[in-house]
Amino acid sequence: MIQTYGILTDLHDDVILLTRNDGSTFGLPPDPTLLEAAGPGVYTLRGTGESIEDPDYLVRLTFRINDATTVREIEAHGFRP
């Protein structure tokens, strides 16, 4: 499972880019309908324990990766951890 957060900095035909606190980028599939308004509150990342207070949006995606071809296909559509 990957959990991350950042500021939406670019929206292109092929990727939605978030810029994380460390300056790295995280790409999402280019579908603005994935952005779901977040309710008020504190959201805690399971892996790191980091807390994000009152984010604007949430995105939830599930990828089932079976082989290297699938990984390349996902990356080709914009998703980049």
C-alpha atoms as a PDB file:
ATOM      1  CA  MET A   1       0.000   0.000   0.000  1.00  0.00           C
ATOM      2  CA  ILE A   2       1.206   3.484  -0.840  1.00  0.00           C
ATOM      3  CA  GLN A   3      -0.080   6.478   1.076  1.00  0.00           C
ATOM      4  CA  THR A   4       1.243   9.915   0.311  1.00  0.00           C
ATOM      5  CA  TYR A   5       0.167  13.515   0.217  1.00  0.00           C
ATOM      6  CA  GLY A   6       1.154  16.726  -1.476  1.00  0.00           C
ATOM      7  CA  ILE A   7      -0.042  19.827  -3.244  1.00  0.00           C
ATOM      8  CA  LEU A   8      -1.625  19.461  -6.669  1.00  0.00           C
ATOM      9  CA  THR A   9       0.818  21.448  -8.798  1.00  0.00           C
ATOM     10  CA  ASP A  10       0.098  20.398 -12.393  1.00  0.00           C
ATOM     11  CA  LEU A  11      -2.805  18.965 -14.320  1.00  0.00           C
ATOM     12  CA  HIS A  12      -1.936  17.657 -17.791  1.00  0.00           C
ATOM     13  CA  ASP A  13      -3.611  15.458 -20.388  1.00  0.00           C
ATOM     14  CA  ASP A  14      -1.404  12.548 -19.307  1.00  0.00           C
ATOM     15  CA  VAL A  15      -0.899  13.055 -15.536  1.00  0.00           C
ATOM     16  CA  ILE A  16      -2.045  14.853 -12.396  1.00  0.00           C
ATOM     17  CA  LEU A  17       1.079  15.848 -10.465  1.00  0.00           C
ATOM     18  CA  LEU A  18       1.368  16.319  -6.729  1.00  0.00           C
ATOM     19  CA  THR A  19       4.460  17.879  -5.186  1.00  0.00           C
ATOM     20  CA  ARG A  20       5.322  16.333  -1.840  1.00  0.00           C
ATOM     21  CA  ASN A  21       6.970  18.078   1.123  1.00  0.00           C
ATOM     22  CA  ASP A  22      10.386  16.696   0.155  1.00  0.00           C
ATOM     23  CA  GLY A  23      10.088  18.251  -3.336  1.00  0.00           C
ATOM     24  CA  SER A  24       9.519  14.951  -5.142  1.00  0.00           C
ATOM     25  CA  THR A  25       6.516  14.540  -7.400  1.00  0.00           C
ATOM     26  CA  PHE A  26       3.834  11.897  -7.414  1.00  0.00           C
ATOM     27  CA  GLY A  27       1.831  11.249 -10.561  1.00  0.00           C
ATOM     28  CA  LEU A  28      -1.792  10.169 -10.681  1.00  0.00           C
ATOM     29  CA  PRO A  29      -3.866   9.013 -13.636  1.00  0.00           C
ATOM     30  CA  PRO A  30      -5.178  12.033 -15.567  1.00  0.00           C
ATOM     31  CA  ASP A  31      -8.767  11.854 -14.345  1.00  0.00           C
ATOM     32  CA  PRO A  32      -9.920  14.852 -12.265  1.00  0.00           C
ATOM     33  CA  THR A  33     -13.006  12.875 -11.224  1.00  0.00           C
ATOM     34  CA  LEU A  34     -10.675  10.842  -8.964  1.00  0.00           C
ATOM     35  CA  LEU A  35     -10.421  13.882  -6.675  1.00  0.00           C
ATOM     36  CA  GLU A  36     -12.957  13.491  -3.871  1.00  0.00           C
ATOM     37  CA  ALA A  37     -13.627  16.397  -1.510  1.00  0.00           C
ATOM     38  CA  ALA A  38     -12.204  15.511   1.902  1.00  0.00           C
ATOM     39  CA  GLY A  39     -14.207  16.032   5.031  1.00  0.00           C
ATOM     40  CA  PRO A  40     -12.677  18.086   7.825  1.00  0.00           C
ATOM     41  CA  GLY A  41     -10.454  16.208  10.216  1.00  0.00           C
ATOM     42  CA  VAL A  42      -7.031  14.703  10.711  1.00  0.00           C
ATOM     43  CA  TYR A  43      -5.905  11.948   8.345  1.00  0.00           C
ATOM     44  CA  THR A  44      -3.028   9.742   9.482  1.00  0.00           C
ATOM     45  CA  LEU A  45      -0.826   7.796   7.071  1.00  0.00           C
ATOM     46  CA  ARG A  46      -0.554   4.202   8.281  1.00  0.00           C
ATOM     47  CA  GLY A  47       2.989   3.628   7.088  1.00  0.00           C
ATOM     48  CA  THR A  48       4.623   6.751   8.513  1.00  0.00           C
ATOM     49  CA  GLY A  49       2.259   8.036  11.181  1.00  0.00           C
ATOM     50  CA  GLU A  50       2.270  11.468   9.530  1.00  0.00           C
ATOM     51  CA  SER A  51      -0.920  13.449  10.041  1.00  0.00           C
ATOM     52  CA  ILE A  52      -2.544  15.774   7.533  1.00  0.00           C
ATOM     53  CA  GLU A  53      -5.122  18.164   8.903  1.00  0.00           C
ATOM     54  CA  ASP A  54      -8.099  19.231   6.798  1.00  0.00           C
ATOM     55  CA  PRO A  55      -6.868  18.249   3.323  1.00  0.00           C
ATOM     56  CA  ASP A  56      -8.869  19.562   0.376  1.00  0.00           C
ATOM     57  CA  TYR A  57      -9.127  16.294  -1.558  1.00  0.00           C
ATOM     58  CA  LEU A  58      -8.639  12.543  -1.258  1.00  0.00           C
ATOM     59  CA  VAL A  59      -7.819  10.067  -4.000  1.00  0.00           C
ATOM     60  CA  ARG A  60      -8.265   6.335  -3.501  1.00  0.00           C
ATOM     61  CA  LEU A  61      -6.955   3.947  -6.113  1.00  0.00           C
ATOM     62  CA  THR A  62      -6.465   0.203  -6.218  1.00  0.00           C
ATOM     63  CA  PHE A  63      -4.011  -1.324  -8.658  1.00  0.00           C
ATOM     64  CA  ARG A  64      -3.601  -5.038  -8.985  1.00  0.00           C
ATOM     65  CA  ILE A  65      -0.200  -5.705 -10.490  1.00  0.00           C
ATOM     66  CA  ASN A  66       0.370  -9.158 -11.921  1.00  0.00           C
ATOM     67  CA  ASP A  67       3.528  -8.740 -13.985  1.00  0.00           C
ATOM     68  CA  ALA A  68       6.042  -6.216 -15.294  1.00  0.00           C
ATOM     69  CA  THR A  69       3.875  -5.434 -18.324  1.00  0.00           C
ATOM     70  CA  THR A  70       1.078  -4.254 -16.062  1.00  0.00           C
ATOM     71  CA  VAL A  71       3.503  -2.038 -14.104  1.00  0.00           C
ATOM     72  CA  ARG A  72       4.650  -0.427 -17.366  1.00  0.00           C
ATOM     73  CA  GLU A  73       1.038   0.062 -18.459  1.00  0.00           C
ATOM     74  CA  ILE A  74       0.157   1.764 -15.179  1.00  0.00           C
ATOM     75  CA  GLU A  75       3.219   4.012 -15.354  1.00  0.00           C
ATOM     76  CA  ALA A  76       2.361   4.864 -18.968  1.00  0.00           C
ATOM     77  CA  HIS A  77      -0.963   6.237 -17.768  1.00  0.00           C
ATOM     78  CA  GLY A  78       0.644   8.604 -15.291  1.00  0.00           C
ATOM     79  CA  PHE A  79       0.835   6.762 -11.986  1.00  0.00           C
ATOM     80  CA  ARG A  80       4.311   7.140 -10.514  1.00  0.00           C
ATOM     81  CA  PRO A  81       5.154   6.414  -6.876  1.00  0.00           C
END
